[in-house]
N, C-alpha and C. Protein backbone atom coordinates (compact mmCIF):
# COMPACT_ATOMS: atom_id res chain seq x y z
N UNK A 1 -49.34 42.79 53.45
CA UNK A 1 -48.41 42.64 54.53
C UNK A 1 -47.03 42.50 54.06
N UNK A 2 -46.11 43.27 54.57
CA UNK A 2 -44.72 43.21 54.11
C UNK A 2 -44.09 41.86 54.54
N UNK A 3 -43.36 41.32 53.61
CA UNK A 3 -42.62 39.99 53.86
C UNK A 3 -41.42 40.21 54.72
N UNK A 4 -41.16 39.28 55.59
CA UNK A 4 -40.04 39.38 56.43
C UNK A 4 -38.79 38.94 55.66
N UNK A 5 -37.52 39.36 56.17
CA UNK A 5 -36.33 38.87 55.49
C UNK A 5 -36.23 37.34 55.73
N UNK A 6 -35.48 36.78 54.80
CA UNK A 6 -35.33 35.30 54.88
C UNK A 6 -34.29 34.88 55.94
N UNK A 7 -33.80 33.64 55.78
CA UNK A 7 -32.82 33.13 56.65
C UNK A 7 -31.47 33.62 56.28
N UNK A 8 -30.56 33.67 57.29
CA UNK A 8 -29.13 34.03 57.05
C UNK A 8 -28.38 32.77 56.77
N UNK A 9 -27.66 32.78 55.64
CA UNK A 9 -26.93 31.65 55.20
C UNK A 9 -25.39 31.98 55.28
N UNK A 10 -24.68 31.39 56.19
CA UNK A 10 -23.22 31.69 56.37
C UNK A 10 -22.48 31.38 55.09
N UNK A 11 -21.48 32.27 54.78
CA UNK A 11 -20.69 32.09 53.58
C UNK A 11 -19.51 31.10 53.95
N UNK A 12 -19.56 29.96 53.26
CA UNK A 12 -18.64 28.91 53.63
C UNK A 12 -17.13 29.33 53.28
N UNK A 13 -16.94 29.96 52.17
CA UNK A 13 -15.61 30.30 51.82
C UNK A 13 -14.99 31.23 52.84
N UNK A 14 -15.77 32.28 53.23
CA UNK A 14 -15.22 33.26 54.22
C UNK A 14 -14.91 32.46 55.54
N UNK A 15 -15.86 31.67 55.94
CA UNK A 15 -15.69 30.97 57.26
C UNK A 15 -14.49 30.01 57.23
N UNK A 16 -14.32 29.36 56.04
CA UNK A 16 -13.21 28.35 55.92
C UNK A 16 -11.89 29.10 55.98
N UNK A 17 -11.77 30.23 55.31
CA UNK A 17 -10.46 30.95 55.32
C UNK A 17 -10.15 31.53 56.62
N UNK A 18 -11.13 32.15 57.23
CA UNK A 18 -10.89 32.79 58.53
C UNK A 18 -10.58 31.74 59.60
N UNK A 19 -11.20 30.58 59.48
CA UNK A 19 -10.95 29.45 60.48
C UNK A 19 -9.51 29.04 60.37
N UNK A 20 -8.89 29.04 59.25
CA UNK A 20 -7.48 28.72 59.07
C UNK A 20 -6.61 29.77 59.74
N UNK A 21 -7.03 31.11 59.53
CA UNK A 21 -6.25 32.16 60.10
C UNK A 21 -6.20 32.18 61.70
N UNK A 22 -7.34 31.97 62.30
CA UNK A 22 -7.40 32.05 63.73
C UNK A 22 -6.38 31.05 64.37
N UNK A 23 -6.47 29.82 63.85
CA UNK A 23 -5.59 28.82 64.47
C UNK A 23 -4.14 29.15 64.27
N UNK A 24 -3.79 29.59 63.00
CA UNK A 24 -2.47 29.94 62.72
C UNK A 24 -1.87 31.08 63.60
N UNK A 25 -2.76 32.05 63.76
CA UNK A 25 -2.32 33.27 64.58
C UNK A 25 -2.09 32.92 66.10
N UNK A 26 -3.02 32.06 66.60
CA UNK A 26 -2.90 31.72 68.02
C UNK A 26 -1.64 30.77 68.17
N UNK A 27 -1.45 29.89 67.25
CA UNK A 27 -0.26 29.02 67.27
C UNK A 27 0.99 29.84 67.21
N UNK A 28 1.07 30.84 66.34
CA UNK A 28 2.24 31.67 66.26
C UNK A 28 2.42 32.51 67.45
N UNK A 29 1.39 32.98 68.12
CA UNK A 29 1.50 33.74 69.28
C UNK A 29 2.04 32.93 70.46
N UNK A 30 1.61 31.64 70.59
CA UNK A 30 2.11 30.76 71.65
C UNK A 30 3.63 30.49 71.47
N UNK A 31 3.97 30.31 70.11
CA UNK A 31 5.37 30.08 69.84
C UNK A 31 6.26 31.26 70.21
N UNK A 32 5.78 32.52 69.92
CA UNK A 32 6.49 33.69 70.33
C UNK A 32 6.56 33.86 71.86
N UNK A 33 5.54 33.41 72.58
CA UNK A 33 5.63 33.47 74.05
C UNK A 33 6.64 32.50 74.50
N UNK A 34 6.82 31.34 73.87
CA UNK A 34 7.82 30.39 74.23
C UNK A 34 9.22 31.00 74.04
N UNK A 35 9.41 31.66 72.86
CA UNK A 35 10.69 32.38 72.65
C UNK A 35 10.98 33.40 73.72
N UNK A 36 9.89 34.19 74.08
CA UNK A 36 10.07 35.18 75.06
C UNK A 36 10.50 34.62 76.38
N UNK A 37 9.91 33.46 76.73
CA UNK A 37 10.32 32.85 77.99
C UNK A 37 11.74 32.35 77.98
N UNK A 38 12.08 31.75 76.84
CA UNK A 38 13.53 31.33 76.71
C UNK A 38 14.48 32.51 76.81
N UNK A 39 14.15 33.56 76.17
CA UNK A 39 14.98 34.82 76.20
C UNK A 39 15.07 35.39 77.56
N UNK A 40 13.91 35.25 78.32
CA UNK A 40 13.83 35.81 79.69
C UNK A 40 14.68 35.03 80.69
N UNK A 41 14.65 33.71 80.61
CA UNK A 41 15.42 32.96 81.55
C UNK A 41 16.92 32.84 81.15
N UNK A 42 17.22 33.02 79.83
CA UNK A 42 18.63 32.89 79.38
C UNK A 42 18.83 33.73 78.21
N UNK A 43 19.08 35.07 78.43
CA UNK A 43 19.31 35.95 77.31
C UNK A 43 20.39 35.54 76.41
N UNK A 44 20.20 35.62 75.08
CA UNK A 44 21.24 35.29 74.09
C UNK A 44 21.85 36.58 73.63
N UNK A 45 22.64 37.19 74.55
CA UNK A 45 23.27 38.43 74.21
C UNK A 45 24.32 38.33 73.11
N UNK A 46 24.98 37.14 73.03
CA UNK A 46 26.03 37.03 72.09
C UNK A 46 25.46 37.04 70.69
N UNK A 47 24.17 36.76 70.47
CA UNK A 47 23.54 36.78 69.08
C UNK A 47 22.77 38.05 68.85
N UNK A 48 22.84 38.99 69.77
CA UNK A 48 22.14 40.27 69.60
C UNK A 48 20.64 40.03 69.45
N UNK A 49 20.14 39.09 70.22
CA UNK A 49 18.70 38.77 70.11
C UNK A 49 17.81 39.89 70.59
N UNK A 50 16.62 39.92 70.17
CA UNK A 50 15.69 40.93 70.58
C UNK A 50 15.32 40.68 72.05
N UNK A 51 15.05 41.67 72.85
CA UNK A 51 14.62 41.49 74.24
C UNK A 51 13.33 40.72 74.34
N UNK A 52 13.17 39.97 75.42
CA UNK A 52 12.02 39.08 75.54
C UNK A 52 10.68 39.83 75.52
N UNK A 53 10.66 41.14 75.85
CA UNK A 53 9.47 42.02 75.78
C UNK A 53 8.93 42.06 74.45
N UNK A 54 9.78 42.12 73.42
CA UNK A 54 9.43 42.19 72.01
C UNK A 54 8.63 40.94 71.57
N UNK A 55 9.28 39.77 71.90
CA UNK A 55 8.65 38.52 71.60
C UNK A 55 7.32 38.41 72.26
N UNK A 56 7.23 38.78 73.55
CA UNK A 56 6.02 38.69 74.26
C UNK A 56 4.88 39.65 73.67
N UNK A 57 5.31 40.91 73.33
CA UNK A 57 4.38 41.82 72.85
C UNK A 57 3.78 41.40 71.47
N UNK A 58 4.72 40.92 70.58
CA UNK A 58 4.19 40.46 69.27
C UNK A 58 3.37 39.21 69.38
N UNK A 59 3.74 38.32 70.37
CA UNK A 59 2.92 37.12 70.61
C UNK A 59 1.49 37.50 71.13
N UNK A 60 1.47 38.47 71.98
CA UNK A 60 0.13 38.93 72.46
C UNK A 60 -0.69 39.43 71.33
N UNK A 61 -0.09 40.23 70.44
CA UNK A 61 -0.89 40.74 69.32
C UNK A 61 -1.36 39.67 68.44
N UNK A 62 -0.48 38.62 68.26
CA UNK A 62 -0.88 37.47 67.37
C UNK A 62 -2.08 36.74 67.97
N UNK A 63 -2.00 36.52 69.26
CA UNK A 63 -3.14 35.80 69.93
C UNK A 63 -4.36 36.57 69.89
N UNK A 64 -4.31 37.93 70.15
CA UNK A 64 -5.52 38.81 70.05
C UNK A 64 -6.10 38.71 68.64
N UNK A 65 -5.26 38.75 67.58
CA UNK A 65 -5.73 38.62 66.25
C UNK A 65 -6.36 37.32 66.05
N UNK A 66 -5.83 36.20 66.59
CA UNK A 66 -6.42 34.92 66.44
C UNK A 66 -7.79 34.89 67.06
N UNK A 67 -7.90 35.47 68.21
CA UNK A 67 -9.20 35.54 68.91
C UNK A 67 -10.26 36.29 68.15
N UNK A 68 -9.78 37.43 67.53
CA UNK A 68 -10.63 38.23 66.67
C UNK A 68 -11.12 37.39 65.49
N UNK A 69 -10.23 36.72 64.85
CA UNK A 69 -10.62 35.89 63.64
C UNK A 69 -11.58 34.75 63.98
N UNK A 70 -11.30 34.20 65.23
CA UNK A 70 -12.24 33.12 65.73
C UNK A 70 -13.58 33.70 65.98
N UNK A 71 -13.74 34.92 66.51
CA UNK A 71 -15.03 35.58 66.78
C UNK A 71 -15.84 35.93 65.55
N UNK A 72 -15.21 36.23 64.45
CA UNK A 72 -15.86 36.71 63.25
C UNK A 72 -16.14 35.56 62.25
N UNK A 73 -15.86 34.36 62.57
CA UNK A 73 -16.00 33.25 61.60
C UNK A 73 -17.41 33.11 61.04
N UNK A 74 -18.44 33.36 61.85
CA UNK A 74 -19.75 33.26 61.43
C UNK A 74 -20.47 34.56 61.18
N UNK A 75 -19.71 35.64 61.02
CA UNK A 75 -20.30 36.89 60.88
C UNK A 75 -20.41 37.35 59.34
N UNK A 76 -20.13 36.36 58.44
CA UNK A 76 -20.29 36.59 57.03
C UNK A 76 -21.43 35.72 56.55
N UNK A 77 -22.39 36.34 55.86
CA UNK A 77 -23.62 35.57 55.49
C UNK A 77 -24.28 36.40 54.33
N UNK A 78 -25.23 35.68 53.68
CA UNK A 78 -26.12 36.28 52.66
C UNK A 78 -27.56 36.03 53.19
N UNK A 79 -28.42 36.95 52.92
CA UNK A 79 -29.76 36.91 53.50
C UNK A 79 -30.69 37.54 52.49
N UNK A 80 -31.66 36.71 51.90
CA UNK A 80 -32.64 37.24 50.98
C UNK A 80 -33.62 38.21 51.66
N UNK A 81 -33.90 39.34 51.09
CA UNK A 81 -34.86 40.29 51.55
C UNK A 81 -35.86 40.47 50.45
N UNK A 82 -37.01 41.04 50.72
CA UNK A 82 -38.01 41.19 49.71
C UNK A 82 -37.59 41.97 48.46
N UNK A 83 -36.67 42.98 48.59
CA UNK A 83 -36.21 43.78 47.48
C UNK A 83 -34.81 43.62 47.08
N UNK A 84 -34.04 42.97 47.87
CA UNK A 84 -32.60 42.85 47.60
C UNK A 84 -32.04 41.66 48.35
N UNK A 85 -30.83 41.31 47.95
CA UNK A 85 -30.08 40.23 48.65
C UNK A 85 -29.02 40.94 49.49
N UNK A 86 -28.99 40.66 50.76
CA UNK A 86 -28.02 41.29 51.71
C UNK A 86 -26.77 40.41 51.76
N UNK A 87 -25.66 41.08 51.52
CA UNK A 87 -24.36 40.34 51.53
C UNK A 87 -23.51 41.05 52.57
N UNK A 88 -23.15 40.26 53.61
CA UNK A 88 -22.53 40.81 54.79
C UNK A 88 -21.19 40.08 55.14
N UNK A 89 -20.17 40.80 55.42
CA UNK A 89 -18.94 40.29 56.02
C UNK A 89 -18.54 41.30 57.15
N UNK A 90 -17.67 40.93 58.01
CA UNK A 90 -17.30 41.90 59.10
C UNK A 90 -16.77 43.26 58.58
N UNK A 91 -16.30 43.26 57.35
CA UNK A 91 -15.71 44.51 56.86
C UNK A 91 -16.41 45.04 55.64
N UNK A 92 -17.54 44.36 55.24
CA UNK A 92 -18.18 44.79 54.04
C UNK A 92 -19.68 44.43 54.20
N UNK A 93 -20.50 45.39 53.78
CA UNK A 93 -21.98 45.17 53.88
C UNK A 93 -22.63 45.81 52.64
N UNK A 94 -23.22 44.99 51.81
CA UNK A 94 -23.86 45.50 50.50
C UNK A 94 -25.19 44.96 50.34
N UNK A 95 -26.09 45.71 49.70
CA UNK A 95 -27.37 45.19 49.28
C UNK A 95 -27.38 45.11 47.75
N UNK A 96 -27.70 43.86 47.33
CA UNK A 96 -27.67 43.67 45.84
C UNK A 96 -29.17 43.65 45.37
N UNK A 97 -29.59 44.65 44.62
CA UNK A 97 -30.96 44.63 44.12
C UNK A 97 -31.22 43.44 43.22
N UNK A 98 -32.32 42.86 43.29
CA UNK A 98 -32.68 41.80 42.37
C UNK A 98 -32.68 42.19 40.96
N UNK A 99 -32.88 43.46 40.68
CA UNK A 99 -32.79 43.94 39.33
C UNK A 99 -31.46 43.83 38.69
N UNK A 100 -30.44 43.78 39.53
CA UNK A 100 -29.07 43.59 39.05
C UNK A 100 -28.73 42.15 38.64
N UNK A 101 -29.54 41.25 39.17
CA UNK A 101 -29.21 39.86 38.86
C UNK A 101 -29.87 39.44 37.47
N UNK A 102 -28.99 39.13 36.57
CA UNK A 102 -29.44 38.68 35.25
C UNK A 102 -29.90 37.20 35.31
N UNK A 103 -29.12 36.40 35.94
CA UNK A 103 -29.47 34.99 36.03
C UNK A 103 -28.62 34.32 37.10
N UNK A 104 -29.06 33.14 37.52
CA UNK A 104 -28.21 32.41 38.48
C UNK A 104 -27.94 30.97 37.87
N UNK A 105 -26.75 30.53 38.13
CA UNK A 105 -26.33 29.19 37.64
C UNK A 105 -25.70 28.47 38.88
N UNK A 106 -25.70 27.15 38.80
CA UNK A 106 -25.08 26.32 39.87
C UNK A 106 -24.05 25.47 39.18
N UNK A 107 -22.92 25.31 39.91
CA UNK A 107 -21.88 24.43 39.51
C UNK A 107 -20.97 24.04 40.69
N UNK A 108 -20.16 23.00 40.50
CA UNK A 108 -19.24 22.67 41.57
C UNK A 108 -18.04 23.58 41.62
N UNK A 109 -17.49 23.78 42.83
CA UNK A 109 -16.34 24.67 42.98
C UNK A 109 -15.18 24.23 42.09
N UNK A 110 -14.94 22.96 41.89
CA UNK A 110 -13.85 22.53 41.13
C UNK A 110 -14.01 22.79 39.63
N UNK A 111 -15.27 23.04 39.16
CA UNK A 111 -15.47 23.40 37.83
C UNK A 111 -15.15 24.92 37.62
N UNK A 112 -15.46 25.66 38.69
CA UNK A 112 -15.15 27.18 38.57
C UNK A 112 -13.68 27.47 38.78
N UNK A 113 -13.09 26.66 39.76
CA UNK A 113 -11.64 26.90 40.04
C UNK A 113 -10.96 25.52 39.93
N UNK A 114 -10.53 25.07 38.80
CA UNK A 114 -9.82 23.79 38.67
C UNK A 114 -8.60 23.73 39.60
N UNK A 115 -8.44 22.70 40.35
CA UNK A 115 -7.31 22.57 41.31
C UNK A 115 -5.97 22.70 40.63
N UNK A 116 -5.82 22.27 39.43
CA UNK A 116 -4.56 22.36 38.70
C UNK A 116 -4.16 23.80 38.36
N UNK A 117 -5.12 24.67 38.38
CA UNK A 117 -4.90 26.12 38.13
C UNK A 117 -4.57 26.93 39.41
N UNK A 118 -4.70 26.26 40.55
CA UNK A 118 -4.56 26.93 41.87
C UNK A 118 -3.33 26.28 42.52
N UNK A 119 -2.50 27.09 43.03
CA UNK A 119 -1.27 26.55 43.71
C UNK A 119 -1.12 27.10 45.11
N UNK A 120 -0.28 26.41 45.81
CA UNK A 120 0.15 26.86 47.17
C UNK A 120 -1.01 26.96 48.10
N UNK A 121 -1.09 28.07 48.85
CA UNK A 121 -2.05 28.23 49.85
C UNK A 121 -3.56 28.14 49.39
N UNK A 122 -3.70 28.71 48.13
CA UNK A 122 -5.10 28.68 47.51
C UNK A 122 -5.56 27.25 47.33
N UNK A 123 -4.69 26.34 46.97
CA UNK A 123 -5.11 24.98 46.74
C UNK A 123 -5.49 24.27 48.08
N UNK A 124 -4.75 24.62 49.13
CA UNK A 124 -5.11 24.10 50.51
C UNK A 124 -6.44 24.57 50.87
N UNK A 125 -6.79 25.85 50.56
CA UNK A 125 -8.12 26.41 50.91
C UNK A 125 -9.22 25.75 50.12
N UNK A 126 -8.97 25.56 48.78
CA UNK A 126 -9.96 25.05 47.88
C UNK A 126 -10.25 23.56 47.96
N UNK A 127 -9.23 22.80 48.25
CA UNK A 127 -9.37 21.36 48.20
C UNK A 127 -10.56 20.76 48.95
N UNK A 128 -10.78 21.14 50.25
CA UNK A 128 -11.93 20.62 50.96
C UNK A 128 -13.29 21.03 50.41
N UNK A 129 -13.31 22.12 49.62
CA UNK A 129 -14.54 22.72 49.10
C UNK A 129 -14.84 22.32 47.68
N UNK A 130 -13.91 21.62 47.08
CA UNK A 130 -13.95 21.39 45.54
C UNK A 130 -15.25 20.76 45.09
N UNK A 131 -15.82 19.79 45.88
CA UNK A 131 -16.94 19.00 45.43
C UNK A 131 -18.26 19.73 45.84
N UNK A 132 -18.22 20.87 46.43
CA UNK A 132 -19.43 21.52 46.92
C UNK A 132 -20.00 22.40 45.79
N UNK A 133 -21.36 22.39 45.81
CA UNK A 133 -22.12 23.18 44.75
C UNK A 133 -22.21 24.66 45.09
N UNK A 134 -21.81 25.56 44.17
CA UNK A 134 -21.92 26.99 44.44
C UNK A 134 -22.98 27.56 43.57
N UNK A 135 -23.53 28.68 43.96
CA UNK A 135 -24.46 29.44 43.18
C UNK A 135 -23.79 30.64 42.67
N UNK A 136 -23.87 30.86 41.34
CA UNK A 136 -23.15 32.00 40.69
C UNK A 136 -24.24 33.03 40.30
N UNK A 137 -24.15 34.22 40.92
CA UNK A 137 -25.03 35.30 40.57
C UNK A 137 -24.38 36.12 39.46
N UNK A 138 -24.92 36.05 38.31
CA UNK A 138 -24.43 36.90 37.23
C UNK A 138 -25.21 38.21 37.25
N UNK A 139 -24.46 39.31 37.30
CA UNK A 139 -25.03 40.64 37.57
C UNK A 139 -24.87 41.55 36.30
N UNK A 140 -25.78 42.56 36.32
CA UNK A 140 -25.66 43.63 35.25
C UNK A 140 -24.55 44.54 35.68
N UNK A 141 -24.21 44.60 36.95
CA UNK A 141 -23.18 45.54 37.46
C UNK A 141 -23.08 45.37 38.95
N UNK A 142 -21.91 45.64 39.48
CA UNK A 142 -21.71 45.60 40.94
C UNK A 142 -22.27 46.80 41.60
N UNK A 143 -22.85 46.57 42.80
CA UNK A 143 -23.44 47.74 43.55
C UNK A 143 -22.39 48.70 44.07
N UNK A 144 -21.15 48.18 44.25
CA UNK A 144 -19.99 49.06 44.58
C UNK A 144 -18.82 48.74 43.70
N UNK A 145 -17.72 49.53 43.86
CA UNK A 145 -16.60 49.40 43.06
C UNK A 145 -16.04 47.92 43.02
N UNK A 146 -15.69 47.36 41.93
CA UNK A 146 -15.06 46.01 41.93
C UNK A 146 -13.81 45.98 42.74
N UNK A 147 -13.07 47.09 42.73
CA UNK A 147 -11.82 47.10 43.46
C UNK A 147 -12.07 46.92 45.00
N UNK A 148 -13.13 47.53 45.44
CA UNK A 148 -13.51 47.36 46.90
C UNK A 148 -13.90 45.96 47.19
N UNK A 149 -14.66 45.35 46.33
CA UNK A 149 -15.10 43.92 46.52
C UNK A 149 -13.85 43.03 46.50
N UNK A 150 -12.93 43.16 45.57
CA UNK A 150 -11.78 42.30 45.53
C UNK A 150 -10.80 42.51 46.68
N UNK A 151 -10.87 43.76 47.27
CA UNK A 151 -10.03 44.08 48.36
C UNK A 151 -10.49 43.35 49.61
N UNK A 152 -11.77 43.19 49.82
CA UNK A 152 -12.27 42.58 51.02
C UNK A 152 -12.74 41.16 50.93
N UNK A 153 -12.77 40.63 49.74
CA UNK A 153 -13.27 39.29 49.51
C UNK A 153 -12.21 38.43 48.84
N UNK A 154 -12.27 37.19 49.17
CA UNK A 154 -11.34 36.15 48.63
C UNK A 154 -11.48 36.02 47.14
N UNK A 155 -10.44 35.63 46.46
CA UNK A 155 -10.46 35.37 45.01
C UNK A 155 -11.49 34.33 44.64
N UNK A 156 -11.91 33.47 45.62
CA UNK A 156 -12.86 32.39 45.30
C UNK A 156 -14.30 32.90 45.32
N UNK A 157 -14.52 34.21 45.46
CA UNK A 157 -15.84 34.79 45.22
C UNK A 157 -15.95 35.19 43.72
N UNK A 158 -14.81 35.17 42.99
CA UNK A 158 -14.89 35.63 41.60
C UNK A 158 -14.28 34.56 40.67
N UNK A 159 -15.07 34.15 39.64
CA UNK A 159 -14.50 33.11 38.73
C UNK A 159 -13.80 33.83 37.52
N UNK A 160 -14.15 35.05 37.19
CA UNK A 160 -13.53 35.80 36.17
C UNK A 160 -13.74 37.26 36.34
N UNK A 161 -13.58 38.03 35.39
CA UNK A 161 -13.61 39.59 35.52
C UNK A 161 -14.97 40.12 35.20
N UNK A 162 -15.93 39.25 34.83
CA UNK A 162 -17.36 39.70 34.58
C UNK A 162 -18.07 40.01 35.90
N UNK A 163 -19.08 40.89 35.88
CA UNK A 163 -19.80 41.19 37.17
C UNK A 163 -20.57 39.95 37.66
N UNK A 164 -20.19 39.43 38.75
CA UNK A 164 -20.85 38.29 39.33
C UNK A 164 -20.33 38.07 40.70
N UNK A 165 -20.94 37.12 41.41
CA UNK A 165 -20.48 36.66 42.80
C UNK A 165 -20.70 35.22 42.85
N UNK A 166 -19.69 34.49 43.36
CA UNK A 166 -19.83 33.07 43.66
C UNK A 166 -20.24 32.89 45.06
N UNK A 167 -21.42 32.35 45.29
CA UNK A 167 -21.97 32.22 46.64
C UNK A 167 -21.96 30.73 46.99
N UNK A 168 -21.26 30.44 48.04
CA UNK A 168 -21.20 29.04 48.57
C UNK A 168 -21.76 29.01 49.99
N UNK A 169 -22.88 28.23 50.11
CA UNK A 169 -23.57 28.10 51.40
C UNK A 169 -23.83 26.59 51.59
N UNK A 170 -24.20 26.18 52.77
CA UNK A 170 -24.44 24.79 53.06
C UNK A 170 -25.60 24.25 52.31
N UNK A 171 -26.75 24.87 52.41
CA UNK A 171 -27.95 24.46 51.75
C UNK A 171 -28.21 25.35 50.52
N UNK A 172 -27.49 25.15 49.41
CA UNK A 172 -27.62 26.09 48.28
C UNK A 172 -29.01 26.04 47.63
N UNK A 173 -29.63 24.69 47.72
CA UNK A 173 -30.94 24.62 47.12
C UNK A 173 -32.03 25.47 47.85
N UNK A 174 -31.95 25.36 49.12
CA UNK A 174 -32.89 26.17 49.94
C UNK A 174 -32.66 27.64 49.81
N UNK A 175 -31.45 28.04 49.76
CA UNK A 175 -31.13 29.43 49.63
C UNK A 175 -31.56 29.94 48.22
N UNK A 176 -31.35 29.13 47.20
CA UNK A 176 -31.78 29.53 45.90
C UNK A 176 -33.32 29.67 45.78
N UNK A 177 -33.95 28.69 46.43
CA UNK A 177 -35.46 28.74 46.42
C UNK A 177 -35.97 29.92 47.15
N UNK A 178 -35.35 30.25 48.32
CA UNK A 178 -35.84 31.36 49.07
C UNK A 178 -35.51 32.64 48.37
N UNK A 179 -34.39 32.82 47.77
CA UNK A 179 -34.07 34.02 47.05
C UNK A 179 -35.00 34.21 45.83
N UNK A 180 -35.26 33.13 45.17
CA UNK A 180 -36.19 33.24 43.96
C UNK A 180 -37.54 33.63 44.42
N UNK A 181 -37.98 33.09 45.64
CA UNK A 181 -39.32 33.45 46.10
C UNK A 181 -39.42 34.98 46.42
N UNK A 182 -38.30 35.48 46.96
CA UNK A 182 -38.28 36.93 47.33
C UNK A 182 -38.32 37.75 46.00
N UNK A 183 -37.66 37.27 44.97
CA UNK A 183 -37.55 37.98 43.70
C UNK A 183 -38.94 38.03 42.99
N UNK A 184 -39.63 36.92 43.04
CA UNK A 184 -40.91 36.80 42.27
C UNK A 184 -42.09 37.08 43.19
N UNK A 185 -41.95 37.11 44.44
CA UNK A 185 -43.12 37.35 45.33
C UNK A 185 -43.93 36.12 45.55
N UNK A 186 -43.48 34.93 45.09
CA UNK A 186 -44.19 33.67 45.26
C UNK A 186 -43.64 32.85 46.30
N UNK A 187 -44.46 32.45 47.28
CA UNK A 187 -44.01 31.66 48.41
C UNK A 187 -43.49 30.30 47.95
N UNK A 188 -42.31 29.85 48.55
CA UNK A 188 -41.80 28.56 48.19
C UNK A 188 -42.65 27.46 48.69
N UNK A 189 -42.71 26.27 47.98
CA UNK A 189 -43.52 25.13 48.44
C UNK A 189 -43.06 24.70 49.86
N UNK A 190 -43.98 24.31 50.69
CA UNK A 190 -43.68 23.80 51.98
C UNK A 190 -43.02 22.51 51.90
N UNK A 191 -42.06 22.29 52.75
CA UNK A 191 -41.38 20.90 52.75
C UNK A 191 -42.38 19.85 53.35
N UNK A 192 -42.40 18.73 52.73
CA UNK A 192 -43.28 17.63 53.27
C UNK A 192 -42.88 17.26 54.68
N UNK A 193 -43.97 17.12 55.50
CA UNK A 193 -43.77 16.68 56.88
C UNK A 193 -43.59 15.23 56.92
N UNK A 194 -42.68 14.80 57.75
CA UNK A 194 -42.42 13.42 57.97
C UNK A 194 -43.56 12.83 58.95
N UNK A 195 -44.12 11.69 58.72
CA UNK A 195 -45.09 11.13 59.53
C UNK A 195 -44.53 10.85 60.92
N UNK A 196 -45.38 11.03 61.96
CA UNK A 196 -44.88 10.78 63.32
C UNK A 196 -44.77 9.32 63.54
N UNK A 197 -43.78 8.93 64.26
CA UNK A 197 -43.51 7.52 64.51
C UNK A 197 -44.30 7.13 65.75
N UNK A 198 -45.52 7.01 65.63
CA UNK A 198 -46.37 6.68 66.75
C UNK A 198 -46.51 5.13 66.87
N UNK A 199 -47.07 4.65 68.01
CA UNK A 199 -47.27 3.28 68.25
C UNK A 199 -48.24 2.64 67.25
N UNK A 200 -49.35 3.40 66.92
CA UNK A 200 -50.32 2.85 65.90
C UNK A 200 -49.71 2.71 64.50
N UNK A 201 -48.78 3.58 64.21
CA UNK A 201 -48.14 3.42 62.88
C UNK A 201 -47.28 2.28 62.70
N UNK A 202 -46.86 1.71 63.88
CA UNK A 202 -45.95 0.44 63.83
C UNK A 202 -46.80 -0.84 63.90
N UNK A 203 -48.12 -0.70 64.08
CA UNK A 203 -48.95 -1.92 64.13
C UNK A 203 -49.05 -2.55 62.71
N UNK A 204 -49.03 -3.84 62.62
CA UNK A 204 -49.15 -4.48 61.29
C UNK A 204 -50.48 -4.20 60.68
N UNK A 205 -50.46 -3.93 59.35
CA UNK A 205 -51.76 -3.69 58.57
C UNK A 205 -52.20 -5.03 58.00
N UNK A 206 -53.51 -5.20 57.98
CA UNK A 206 -54.10 -6.41 57.41
C UNK A 206 -54.67 -6.14 56.00
């Protein structure tokens, strides 16, 4: 009987970056609408200001872009399959054969990307994720061109120029166990069930 695909694990890095963009775009759009309103009620002709329609149009585009980013926050994920690891973002979808994976290692994000080596906007993105544990998939080679990957993915998916991917998910231990189970064909051990909190279990024992 063929095994079913595993759970979908949202990519934290992608979600975190996109979450910053949607708020910034909507905030900028509202600001442009405010400028459009000011220009509408009191045109600043002496300053050769742009007509209010331009501010309103650009503001509408910014808000639509913010709504789009908000909608795609959780559309990036990894999912173990019996023969490959599925890696999905709204603009990129690849299947990584398990034969490409040489080994996997785990380490904290701050070890992969020291904060002192990251500046500006990158540090703001990385700081809340610095203590989280990431899974590094070291590969024999990329399934697509590295240029395409680096075009559509953040720099925090790559620690250096060797073939690999930095995977950051909420439950990295469960993801690693499930992926290894798919690779080897061995079912992961069941999680121990917690005893039910019944009335009899609360009675004093003699």
